[in-house]
Amino acid sequence: MSAVKMPAGLTAAVDAWAEAHQLVRSDAICRLVELGLKRAPAAPPPSSATIASDFARIEERAVHEIDRLLDPALPADERERRIRRLTEGPPEFSHERIDLPKVRT
């Protein structure tokens, strides 16, 4: 069971359609929604470019936050190593990551 809040004009139009098709309001609303969903184009799945840009943005934020938390006295190469290890994971597990490309040997 669902409740639907509609403006008075839309309710009147649904009631008129229901009467023309000899249906009660709830059945008319159900049929009209089904008809609308059949006609509406399917929502496109997110593109791989969108997913890649989202991933890049998330990774950038993570790197920024990690960099902010690290000791500023650390040498640059050690900072980069720690950031890389936290964002990519330990090397012994990198082959199990599904979000990274596989290394072909």
PDB file of N, CA and C in Angstrom:
ATOM      1  N   MET A   1       0.850  -1.174   0.000  1.00  0.00           N
ATOM      2  CA  MET A   1       0.000   0.000   0.000  1.00  0.00           C
ATOM      3  C   MET A   1       0.889   1.228   0.000  1.00  0.00           C
ATOM      4  N   SER A   2       0.572   2.178  -0.847  1.00  0.00           N
ATOM      5  CA  SER A   2       1.316   3.432  -0.939  1.00  0.00           C
ATOM      6  C   SER A   2       0.337   4.587  -0.997  1.00  0.00           C
ATOM      7  N   ALA A   3       0.739   5.694  -0.459  1.00  0.00           N
ATOM      8  CA  ALA A   3      -0.058   6.916  -0.544  1.00  0.00           C
ATOM      9  C   ALA A   3       0.622   7.840  -1.538  1.00  0.00           C
ATOM     10  N   VAL A   4      -0.190   8.541  -2.328  1.00  0.00           N
ATOM     11  CA  VAL A   4       0.345   9.456  -3.335  1.00  0.00           C
ATOM     12  C   VAL A   4      -0.266  10.823  -3.102  1.00  0.00           C
ATOM     13  N   LYS A   5       0.582  11.841  -3.009  1.00  0.00           N
ATOM     14  CA  LYS A   5       0.090  13.202  -2.853  1.00  0.00           C
ATOM     15  C   LYS A   5       0.179  13.871  -4.220  1.00  0.00           C
ATOM     16  N   MET A   6      -0.971  14.337  -4.729  1.00  0.00           N
ATOM     17  CA  MET A   6      -1.017  14.978  -6.048  1.00  0.00           C
ATOM     18  C   MET A   6      -1.806  16.277  -5.960  1.00  0.00           C
ATOM     19  N   PRO A   7      -1.478  17.232  -6.831  1.00  0.00           N
ATOM     20  CA  PRO A   7      -2.276  18.456  -6.891  1.00  0.00           C
ATOM     21  C   PRO A   7      -3.720  18.122  -7.310  1.00  0.00           C
ATOM     22  N   ALA A   8      -4.631  18.993  -6.956  1.00  0.00           N
ATOM     23  CA  ALA A   8      -6.055  18.753  -7.238  1.00  0.00           C
ATOM     24  C   ALA A   8      -6.315  18.556  -8.725  1.00  0.00           C
ATOM     25  N   GLY A   9      -5.647  19.332  -9.578  1.00  0.00           N
ATOM     26  CA  GLY A   9      -5.851  19.197 -11.022  1.00  0.00           C
ATOM     27  C   GLY A   9      -5.423  17.838 -11.538  1.00  0.00           C
ATOM     28  N   LEU A  10      -4.318  17.335 -11.035  1.00  0.00           N
ATOM     29  CA  LEU A  10      -3.834  16.023 -11.459  1.00  0.00           C
ATOM     30  C   LEU A  10      -4.759  14.925 -10.941  1.00  0.00           C
ATOM     31  N   THR A  11      -5.241  15.088  -9.721  1.00  0.00           N
ATOM     32  CA  THR A  11      -6.185  14.117  -9.170  1.00  0.00           C
ATOM     33  C   THR A  11      -7.450  14.067 -10.014  1.00  0.00           C
ATOM     34  N   ALA A  12      -7.932  15.217 -10.441  1.00  0.00           N
ATOM     35  CA  ALA A  12      -9.131  15.267 -11.289  1.00  0.00           C
ATOM     36  C   ALA A  12      -8.873  14.581 -12.625  1.00  0.00           C
ATOM     37  N   ALA A  13      -7.685  14.792 -13.197  1.00  0.00           N
ATOM     38  CA  ALA A  13      -7.347  14.156 -14.475  1.00  0.00           C
ATOM     39  C   ALA A  13      -7.261  12.638 -14.313  1.00  0.00           C
ATOM     40  N   VAL A  14      -6.679  12.181 -13.211  1.00  0.00           N
ATOM     41  CA  VAL A  14      -6.597  10.737 -12.951  1.00  0.00           C
ATOM     42  C   VAL A  14      -7.996  10.169 -12.766  1.00  0.00           C
ATOM     43  N   ASP A  15      -8.840  10.877 -12.021  1.00  0.00           N
ATOM     44  CA  ASP A  15     -10.214  10.417 -11.817  1.00  0.00           C
ATOM     45  C   ASP A  15     -10.972  10.335 -13.138  1.00  0.00           C
ATOM     46  N   ALA A  16     -10.776  11.308 -14.021  1.00  0.00           N
ATOM     47  CA  ALA A  16     -11.443  11.284 -15.331  1.00  0.00           C
ATOM     48  C   ALA A  16     -10.944  10.099 -16.151  1.00  0.00           C
ATOM     49  N   TRP A  17      -9.636   9.851 -16.124  1.00  0.00           N
ATOM     50  CA  TRP A  17      -9.066   8.724 -16.871  1.00  0.00           C
ATOM     51  C   TRP A  17      -9.591   7.412 -16.293  1.00  0.00           C
ATOM     52  N   ALA A  18      -9.675   7.334 -14.956  1.00  0.00           N
ATOM     53  CA  ALA A  18     -10.175   6.129 -14.295  1.00  0.00           C
ATOM     54  C   ALA A  18     -11.619   5.856 -14.682  1.00  0.00           C
ATOM     55  N   GLU A  19     -12.423   6.913 -14.718  1.00  0.00           N
ATOM     56  CA  GLU A  19     -13.833   6.751 -15.083  1.00  0.00           C
ATOM     57  C   GLU A  19     -13.964   6.291 -16.530  1.00  0.00           C
ATOM     58  N   ALA A  20     -13.156   6.853 -17.413  1.00  0.00           N
ATOM     59  CA  ALA A  20     -13.208   6.470 -18.826  1.00  0.00           C
ATOM     60  C   ALA A  20     -12.792   5.011 -19.028  1.00  0.00           C
ATOM     61  N   HIS A  21     -11.950   4.506 -18.148  1.00  0.00           N
ATOM     62  CA  HIS A  21     -11.481   3.124 -18.276  1.00  0.00           C
ATOM     63  C   HIS A  21     -12.130   2.194 -17.248  1.00  0.00           C
ATOM     64  N   GLN A  22     -13.149   2.689 -16.579  1.00  0.00           N
ATOM     65  CA  GLN A  22     -13.921   1.935 -15.593  1.00  0.00           C
ATOM     66  C   GLN A  22     -13.021   1.305 -14.519  1.00  0.00           C
ATOM     67  N   LEU A  23     -12.196   2.159 -13.929  1.00  0.00           N
ATOM     68  CA  LEU A  23     -11.292   1.734 -12.866  1.00  0.00           C
ATOM     69  C   LEU A  23     -11.478   2.627 -11.649  1.00  0.00           C
ATOM     70  N   VAL A  24     -11.108   2.117 -10.492  1.00  0.00           N
ATOM     71  CA  VAL A  24     -11.073   2.965  -9.306  1.00  0.00           C
ATOM     72  C   VAL A  24      -9.753   3.735  -9.337  1.00  0.00           C
ATOM     73  N   ARG A  25      -9.667   4.805  -8.557  1.00  0.00           N
ATOM     74  CA  ARG A  25      -8.501   5.689  -8.597  1.00  0.00           C
ATOM     75  C   ARG A  25      -7.183   4.930  -8.367  1.00  0.00           C
ATOM     76  N   SER A  26      -7.126   4.065  -7.369  1.00  0.00           N
ATOM     77  CA  SER A  26      -5.862   3.375  -7.069  1.00  0.00           C
ATOM     78  C   SER A  26      -5.405   2.498  -8.236  1.00  0.00           C
ATOM     79  N   ASP A  27      -6.350   1.802  -8.876  1.00  0.00           N
ATOM     80  CA  ASP A  27      -5.992   0.981 -10.041  1.00  0.00           C
ATOM     81  C   ASP A  27      -5.581   1.863 -11.216  1.00  0.00           C
ATOM     82  N   ALA A  28      -6.239   2.997 -11.370  1.00  0.00           N
ATOM     83  CA  ALA A  28      -5.890   3.917 -12.456  1.00  0.00           C
ATOM     84  C   ALA A  28      -4.477   4.463 -12.267  1.00  0.00           C
ATOM     85  N   ILE A  29      -4.148   4.846 -11.042  1.00  0.00           N
ATOM     86  CA  ILE A  29      -2.797   5.353 -10.775  1.00  0.00           C
ATOM     87  C   ILE A  29      -1.770   4.272 -11.095  1.00  0.00           C
ATOM     88  N   CYS A  30      -2.040   3.046 -10.678  1.00  0.00           N
ATOM     89  CA  CYS A  30      -1.127   1.934 -10.938  1.00  0.00           C
ATOM     90  C   CYS A  30      -0.938   1.732 -12.443  1.00  0.00           C
ATOM     91  N   ARG A  31      -2.036   1.718 -13.200  1.00  0.00           N
ATOM     92  CA  ARG A  31      -1.947   1.526 -14.659  1.00  0.00           C
ATOM     93  C   ARG A  31      -1.215   2.677 -15.323  1.00  0.00           C
ATOM     94  N   LEU A  32      -1.497   3.911 -14.902  1.00  0.00           N
ATOM     95  CA  LEU A  32      -0.827   5.067 -15.504  1.00  0.00           C
ATOM     96  C   LEU A  32       0.676   5.048 -15.230  1.00  0.00           C
ATOM     97  N   VAL A  33       1.049   4.653 -14.031  1.00  0.00           N
ATOM     98  CA  VAL A  33       2.480   4.551 -13.714  1.00  0.00           C
ATOM     99  C   VAL A  33       3.123   3.457 -14.561  1.00  0.00           C
ATOM    100  N   GLU A  34       2.468   2.312 -14.692  1.00  0.00           N
ATOM    101  CA  GLU A  34       3.005   1.231 -15.528  1.00  0.00           C
ATOM    102  C   GLU A  34       3.172   1.691 -16.970  1.00  0.00           C
ATOM    103  N   LEU A  35       2.169   2.393 -17.501  1.00  0.00           N
ATOM    104  CA  LEU A  35       2.259   2.904 -18.875  1.00  0.00           C
ATOM    105  C   LEU A  35       3.408   3.895 -19.019  1.00  0.00           C
ATOM    106  N   GLY A  36       3.546   4.765 -18.048  1.00  0.00           N
ATOM    107  CA  GLY A  36       4.625   5.746 -18.095  1.00  0.00           C
ATOM    108  C   GLY A  36       5.995   5.101 -18.034  1.00  0.00           C
ATOM    109  N   LEU A  37       6.132   4.073 -17.207  1.00  0.00           N
ATOM    110  CA  LEU A  37       7.422   3.397 -17.095  1.00  0.00           C
ATOM    111  C   LEU A  37       7.769   2.612 -18.356  1.00  0.00           C
ATOM    112  N   LYS A  38       6.763   2.082 -19.030  1.00  0.00           N
ATOM    113  CA  LYS A  38       7.028   1.366 -20.288  1.00  0.00           C
ATOM    114  C   LYS A  38       7.514   2.322 -21.366  1.00  0.00           C
ATOM    115  N   ARG A  39       6.991   3.531 -21.371  1.00  0.00           N
ATOM    116  CA  ARG A  39       7.342   4.527 -22.388  1.00  0.00           C
ATOM    117  C   ARG A  39       8.649   5.254 -22.096  1.00  0.00           C
ATOM    118  N   ALA A  40       8.960   5.410 -20.828  1.00  0.00           N
ATOM    119  CA  ALA A  40      10.142   6.190 -20.441  1.00  0.00           C
ATOM    120  C   ALA A  40      11.410   5.453 -20.855  1.00  0.00           C
ATOM    121  N   PRO A  41      12.383   6.194 -21.372  1.00  0.00           N
ATOM    122  CA  PRO A  41      13.646   5.534 -21.714  1.00  0.00           C
ATOM    123  C   PRO A  41      14.350   5.064 -20.446  1.00  0.00           C
ATOM    124  N   ALA A  42      15.034   3.952 -20.559  1.00  0.00           N
ATOM    125  CA  ALA A  42      15.761   3.422 -19.408  1.00  0.00           C
ATOM    126  C   ALA A  42      16.891   4.379 -19.041  1.00  0.00           C
ATOM    127  N   ALA A  43      17.137   4.503 -17.771  1.00  0.00           N
ATOM    128  CA  ALA A  43      18.231   5.364 -17.314  1.00  0.00           C
ATOM    129  C   ALA A  43      19.548   4.737 -17.749  1.00  0.00           C
ATOM    130  N   PRO A  44      20.411   5.531 -18.367  1.00  0.00           N
ATOM    131  CA  PRO A  44      21.679   4.963 -18.822  1.00  0.00           C
ATOM    132  C   PRO A  44      22.574   4.612 -17.637  1.00  0.00           C
ATOM    133  N   PRO A  45      23.305   3.509 -17.758  1.00  0.00           N
ATOM    134  CA  PRO A  45      24.229   3.174 -16.671  1.00  0.00           C
ATOM    135  C   PRO A  45      25.354   4.199 -16.624  1.00  0.00           C
ATOM    136  N   PRO A  46      25.961   4.388 -15.476  1.00  0.00           N
ATOM    137  CA  PRO A  46      27.055   5.365 -15.406  1.00  0.00           C
ATOM    138  C   PRO A  46      28.181   4.949 -16.344  1.00  0.00           C
ATOM    139  N   SER A  47      28.702   5.911 -17.071  1.00  0.00           N
ATOM    140  CA  SER A  47      29.761   5.598 -18.029  1.00  0.00           C
ATOM    141  C   SER A  47      31.056   5.291 -17.296  1.00  0.00           C
ATOM    142  N   SER A  48      31.937   4.588 -17.977  1.00  0.00           N
ATOM    143  CA  SER A  48      33.218   4.256 -17.353  1.00  0.00           C
ATOM    144  C   SER A  48      34.027   5.522 -17.107  1.00  0.00           C
ATOM    145  N   ALA A  49      33.814   6.563 -17.947  1.00  0.00           N
ATOM    146  CA  ALA A  49      34.518   7.832 -17.739  1.00  0.00           C
ATOM    147  C   ALA A  49      34.059   8.485 -16.440  1.00  0.00           C
ATOM    148  N   THR A  50      32.753   8.417 -16.161  1.00  0.00           N
ATOM    149  CA  THR A  50      32.223   8.984 -14.922  1.00  0.00           C
ATOM    150  C   THR A  50      32.780   8.234 -13.721  1.00  0.00           C
ATOM    151  N   ILE A  51      32.795   6.915 -13.816  1.00  0.00           N
ATOM    152  CA  ILE A  51      33.312   6.102 -12.716  1.00  0.00           C
ATOM    153  C   ILE A  51      34.791   6.398 -12.502  1.00  0.00           C
ATOM    154  N   ALA A  52      35.545   6.502 -13.604  1.00  0.00           N
ATOM    155  CA  ALA A  52      36.984   6.780 -13.497  1.00  0.00           C
ATOM    156  C   ALA A  52      37.231   8.151 -12.885  1.00  0.00           C
ATOM    157  N   SER A  53      36.427   9.155 -13.292  1.00  0.00           N
ATOM    158  CA  SER A  53      36.635  10.494 -12.734  1.00  0.00           C
ATOM    159  C   SER A  53      36.251  10.531 -11.256  1.00  0.00           C
ATOM    160  N   ASP A  54      35.197   9.795 -10.884  1.00  0.00           N
ATOM    161  CA  ASP A  54      34.825   9.710  -9.470  1.00  0.00           C
ATOM    162  C   ASP A  54      35.943   9.049  -8.667  1.00  0.00           C
ATOM    163  N   PHE A  55      36.497   7.966  -9.210  1.00  0.00           N
ATOM    164  CA  PHE A  55      37.578   7.264  -8.523  1.00  0.00           C
ATOM    165  C   PHE A  55      38.784   8.178  -8.364  1.00  0.00           C
ATOM    166  N   ALA A  56      39.118   8.912  -9.425  1.00  0.00           N
ATOM    167  CA  ALA A  56      40.276   9.816  -9.372  1.00  0.00           C
ATOM    168  C   ALA A  56      40.063  10.908  -8.328  1.00  0.00           C
ATOM    169  N   ARG A  57      38.838  11.447  -8.265  1.00  0.00           N
ATOM    170  CA  ARG A  57      38.538  12.500  -7.297  1.00  0.00           C
ATOM    171  C   ARG A  57      38.620  11.960  -5.863  1.00  0.00           C
ATOM    172  N   ILE A  58      38.105  10.762  -5.650  1.00  0.00           N
ATOM    173  CA  ILE A  58      38.152  10.153  -4.323  1.00  0.00           C
ATOM    174  C   ILE A  58      39.598   9.881  -3.919  1.00  0.00           C
ATOM    175  N   GLU A  59      40.378   9.358  -4.866  1.00  0.00           N
ATOM    176  CA  GLU A  59      41.781   9.076  -4.562  1.00  0.00           C
ATOM    177  C   GLU A  59      42.543  10.367  -4.252  1.00  0.00           C
ATOM    178  N   GLU A  60      42.242  11.425  -5.007  1.00  0.00           N
ATOM    179  CA  GLU A  60      42.901  12.714  -4.772  1.00  0.00           C
ATOM    180  C   GLU A  60      42.589  13.239  -3.369  1.00  0.00           C
ATOM    181  N   ARG A  61      41.331  13.112  -2.963  1.00  0.00           N
ATOM    182  CA  ARG A  61      40.951  13.555  -1.616  1.00  0.00           C
ATOM    183  C   ARG A  61      41.654  12.726  -0.548  1.00  0.00           C
ATOM    184  N   ALA A  62      41.741  11.411  -0.777  1.00  0.00           N
ATOM    185  CA  ALA A  62      42.409  10.535   0.186  1.00  0.00           C
ATOM    186  C   ALA A  62      43.880  10.905   0.314  1.00  0.00           C
ATOM    187  N   VAL A  63      44.538  11.132  -0.821  1.00  0.00           N
ATOM    188  CA  VAL A  63      45.956  11.508  -0.800  1.00  0.00           C
ATOM    189  C   VAL A  63      46.139  12.819  -0.047  1.00  0.00           C
ATOM    190  N   HIS A  64      45.264  13.777  -0.297  1.00  0.00           N
ATOM    191  CA  HIS A  64      45.353  15.074   0.385  1.00  0.00           C
ATOM    192  C   HIS A  64      45.201  14.898   1.898  1.00  0.00           C
ATOM    193  N   GLU A  65      44.223  14.086   2.299  1.00  0.00           N
ATOM    194  CA  GLU A  65      43.975  13.887   3.733  1.00  0.00           C
ATOM    195  C   GLU A  65      45.136  13.143   4.389  1.00  0.00           C
ATOM    196  N   ILE A  66      45.651  12.117   3.716  1.00  0.00           N
ATOM    197  CA  ILE A  66      46.797  11.377   4.260  1.00  0.00           C
ATOM    198  C   ILE A  66      47.995  12.303   4.388  1.00  0.00           C
ATOM    199  N   ASP A  67      48.243  13.101   3.356  1.00  0.00           N
ATOM    200  CA  ASP A  67      49.371  14.033   3.366  1.00  0.00           C
ATOM    201  C   ASP A  67      49.253  15.016   4.533  1.00  0.00           C
ATOM    202  N   ARG A  68      48.030  15.448   4.802  1.00  0.00           N
ATOM    203  CA  ARG A  68      47.792  16.382   5.901  1.00  0.00           C
ATOM    204  C   ARG A  68      48.104  15.740   7.252  1.00  0.00           C
ATOM    205  N   LEU A  69      47.840  14.434   7.371  1.00  0.00           N
ATOM    206  CA  LEU A  69      48.043  13.741   8.641  1.00  0.00           C
ATOM    207  C   LEU A  69      49.489  13.296   8.874  1.00  0.00           C
ATOM    208  N   LEU A  70      50.262  13.172   7.808  1.00  0.00           N
ATOM    209  CA  LEU A  70      51.645  12.715   7.958  1.00  0.00           C
ATOM    210  C   LEU A  70      52.516  13.789   8.600  1.00  0.00           C
ATOM    211  N   ASP A  71      53.559  13.330   9.258  1.00  0.00           N
ATOM    212  CA  ASP A  71      54.528  14.222   9.902  1.00  0.00           C
ATOM    213  C   ASP A  71      55.240  15.055   8.837  1.00  0.00           C
ATOM    214  N   PRO A  72      55.155  16.383   8.924  1.00  0.00           N
ATOM    215  CA  PRO A  72      55.803  17.229   7.919  1.00  0.00           C
ATOM    216  C   PRO A  72      57.324  17.095   7.908  1.00  0.00           C
ATOM    217  N   ALA A  73      57.908  16.553   8.960  1.00  0.00           N
ATOM    218  CA  ALA A  73      59.364  16.404   9.021  1.00  0.00           C
ATOM    219  C   ALA A  73      59.867  15.205   8.218  1.00  0.00           C
ATOM    220  N   LEU A  74      58.941  14.340   7.754  1.00  0.00           N
ATOM    221  CA  LEU A  74      59.361  13.172   6.969  1.00  0.00           C
ATOM    222  C   LEU A  74      59.958  13.610   5.639  1.00  0.00           C
ATOM    223  N   PRO A  75      60.966  12.897   5.149  1.00  0.00           N
ATOM    224  CA  PRO A  75      61.493  13.199   3.819  1.00  0.00           C
ATOM    225  C   PRO A  75      60.423  12.946   2.754  1.00  0.00           C
ATOM    226  N   ALA A  76      60.516  13.651   1.638  1.00  0.00           N
ATOM    227  CA  ALA A  76      59.504  13.570   0.578  1.00  0.00           C
ATOM    228  C   ALA A  76      59.325  12.149   0.064  1.00  0.00           C
ATOM    229  N   ASP A  77      60.424  11.406  -0.135  1.00  0.00           N
ATOM    230  CA  ASP A  77      60.291  10.047  -0.665  1.00  0.00           C
ATOM    231  C   ASP A  77      59.584   9.121   0.322  1.00  0.00           C
ATOM    232  N   GLU A  78      59.791   9.319   1.619  1.00  0.00           N
ATOM    233  CA  GLU A  78      59.102   8.511   2.628  1.00  0.00           C
ATOM    234  C   GLU A  78      57.620   8.874   2.681  1.00  0.00           C
ATOM    235  N   ARG A  79      57.301  10.158   2.541  1.00  0.00           N
ATOM    236  CA  ARG A  79      55.894  10.595   2.504  1.00  0.00           C
ATOM    237  C   ARG A  79      55.189   9.940   1.321  1.00  0.00           C
ATOM    238  N   GLU A  80      55.823   9.988   0.143  1.00  0.00           N
ATOM    239  CA  GLU A  80      55.232   9.390  -1.060  1.00  0.00           C
ATOM    240  C   GLU A  80      55.058   7.883  -0.900  1.00  0.00           C
ATOM    241  N   ARG A  81      56.054   7.205  -0.302  1.00  0.00           N
ATOM    242  CA  ARG A  81      55.959   5.760  -0.088  1.00  0.00           C
ATOM    243  C   ARG A  81      54.775   5.431   0.819  1.00  0.00           C
ATOM    244  N   ARG A  82      54.608   6.191   1.894  1.00  0.00           N
ATOM    245  CA  ARG A  82      53.502   5.938   2.825  1.00  0.00           C
ATOM    246  C   ARG A  82      52.150   6.216   2.170  1.00  0.00           C
ATOM    247  N   ILE A  83      52.069   7.303   1.432  1.00  0.00           N
ATOM    248  CA  ILE A  83      50.811   7.623   0.741  1.00  0.00           C
ATOM    249  C   ILE A  83      50.479   6.517  -0.248  1.00  0.00           C
ATOM    250  N   ARG A  84      51.468   6.097  -1.041  1.00  0.00           N
ATOM    251  CA  ARG A  84      51.249   5.044  -2.038  1.00  0.00           C
ATOM    252  C   ARG A  84      50.810   3.747  -1.362  1.00  0.00           C
ATOM    253  N   ARG A  85      51.444   3.397  -0.257  1.00  0.00           N
ATOM    254  CA  ARG A  85      51.103   2.160   0.446  1.00  0.00           C
ATOM    255  C   ARG A  85      49.673   2.216   1.000  1.00  0.00           C
ATOM    256  N   LEU A  86      49.259   3.394   1.472  1.00  0.00           N
ATOM    257  CA  LEU A  86      47.897   3.523   2.001  1.00  0.00           C
ATOM    258  C   LEU A  86      46.845   3.565   0.899  1.00  0.00           C
ATOM    259  N   THR A  87      47.150   4.152  -0.245  1.00  0.00           N
ATOM    260  CA  THR A  87      46.149   4.242  -1.316  1.00  0.00           C
ATOM    261  C   THR A  87      46.120   2.997  -2.192  1.00  0.00           C
ATOM    262  N   GLU A  88      47.269   2.357  -2.392  1.00  0.00           N
ATOM    263  CA  GLU A  88      47.318   1.176  -3.258  1.00  0.00           C
ATOM    264  C   GLU A  88      47.323  -0.125  -2.471  1.00  0.00           C
ATOM    265  N   GLY A  89      47.639  -0.062  -1.199  1.00  0.00           N
ATOM    266  CA  GLY A  89      47.708  -1.259  -0.379  1.00  0.00           C
ATOM    267  C   GLY A  89      49.094  -1.858  -0.419  1.00  0.00           C
ATOM    268  N   PRO A  90      49.349  -2.821   0.458  1.00  0.00           N
ATOM    269  CA  PRO A  90      50.658  -3.446   0.476  1.00  0.00           C
ATOM    270  C   PRO A  90      50.908  -4.206  -0.829  1.00  0.00           C
ATOM    271  N   PRO A  91      52.146  -4.223  -1.309  1.00  0.00           N
ATOM    272  CA  PRO A  91      52.441  -4.868  -2.588  1.00  0.00           C
ATOM    273  C   PRO A  91      52.045  -6.340  -2.624  1.00  0.00           C
ATOM    274  N   GLU A  92      52.130  -7.026  -1.497  1.00  0.00           N
ATOM    275  CA  GLU A  92      51.801  -8.458  -1.494  1.00  0.00           C
ATOM    276  C   GLU A  92      50.316  -8.723  -1.746  1.00  0.00           C
ATOM    277  N   PHE A  93      49.463  -7.703  -1.616  1.00  0.00           N
ATOM    278  CA  PHE A  93      48.036  -7.875  -1.872  1.00  0.00           C
ATOM    279  C   PHE A  93      47.569  -7.173  -3.143  1.00  0.00           C
ATOM    280  N   SER A  94      48.433  -6.454  -3.817  1.00  0.00           N
ATOM    281  CA  SER A  94      47.998  -5.669  -4.975  1.00  0.00           C
ATOM    282  C   SER A  94      47.445  -6.537  -6.095  1.00  0.00           C
ATOM    283  N   HIS A  95      47.894  -7.800  -6.201  1.00  0.00           N
ATOM    284  CA  HIS A  95      47.374  -8.685  -7.251  1.00  0.00           C
ATOM    285  C   HIS A  95      45.919  -9.071  -6.999  1.00  0.00           C
ATOM    286  N   GLU A  96      45.426  -8.889  -5.788  1.00  0.00           N
ATOM    287  CA  GLU A  96      44.050  -9.238  -5.468  1.00  0.00           C
ATOM    288  C   GLU A  96      43.082  -8.070  -5.604  1.00  0.00           C
ATOM    289  N   ARG A  97      43.593  -6.872  -5.839  1.00  0.00           N
ATOM    290  CA  ARG A  97      42.735  -5.692  -5.978  1.00  0.00           C
ATOM    291  C   ARG A  97      41.972  -5.773  -7.290  1.00  0.00           C
ATOM    292  N   ILE A  98      40.669  -5.589  -7.239  1.00  0.00           N
ATOM    293  CA  ILE A  98      39.868  -5.643  -8.461  1.00  0.00           C
ATOM    294  C   ILE A  98      39.760  -4.282  -9.133  1.00  0.00           C
ATOM    295  N   ASP A  99      40.130  -3.215  -8.433  1.00  0.00           N
ATOM    296  CA  ASP A  99      40.016  -1.881  -9.006  1.00  0.00           C
ATOM    297  C   ASP A  99      41.294  -1.422  -9.691  1.00  0.00           C
ATOM    298  N   LEU A 100      42.333  -2.249  -9.686  1.00  0.00           N
ATOM    299  CA  LEU A 100      43.586  -1.904 -10.355  1.00  0.00           C
ATOM    300  C   LEU A 100      43.777  -2.816 -11.558  1.00  0.00           C
ATOM    301  N   PRO A 101      44.387  -2.311 -12.632  1.00  0.00           N
ATOM    302  CA  PRO A 101      44.630  -3.172 -13.791  1.00  0.00           C
ATOM    303  C   PRO A 101      45.585  -4.303 -13.427  1.00  0.00           C
ATOM    304  N   LYS A 102      45.350  -5.458 -14.041  1.00  0.00           N
ATOM    305  CA  LYS A 102      46.205  -6.615 -13.790  1.00  0.00           C
ATOM    306  C   LYS A 102      47.526  -6.446 -14.526  1.00  0.00           C
ATOM    307  N   VAL A 103      48.607  -6.850 -13.899  1.00  0.00           N
ATOM    308  CA  VAL A 103      49.930  -6.808 -14.519  1.00  0.00           C
ATOM    309  C   VAL A 103      50.104  -8.093 -15.304  1.00  0.00           C
ATOM    310  N   ARG A 104      50.363  -7.958 -16.603  1.00  0.00           N
ATOM    311  CA  ARG A 104      50.542  -9.145 -17.451  1.00  0.00           C
ATOM    312  C   ARG A 104      52.001  -9.565 -17.436  1.00  0.00           C
ATOM    313  N   THR A 105      52.210 -10.860 -17.235  1.00  0.00           N
ATOM    314  CA  THR A 105      53.585 -11.373 -17.231  1.00  0.00           C
ATOM    315  C   THR A 105      53.771 -12.430 -18.286  1.00  0.00           C
TER     316      THR A 105
END
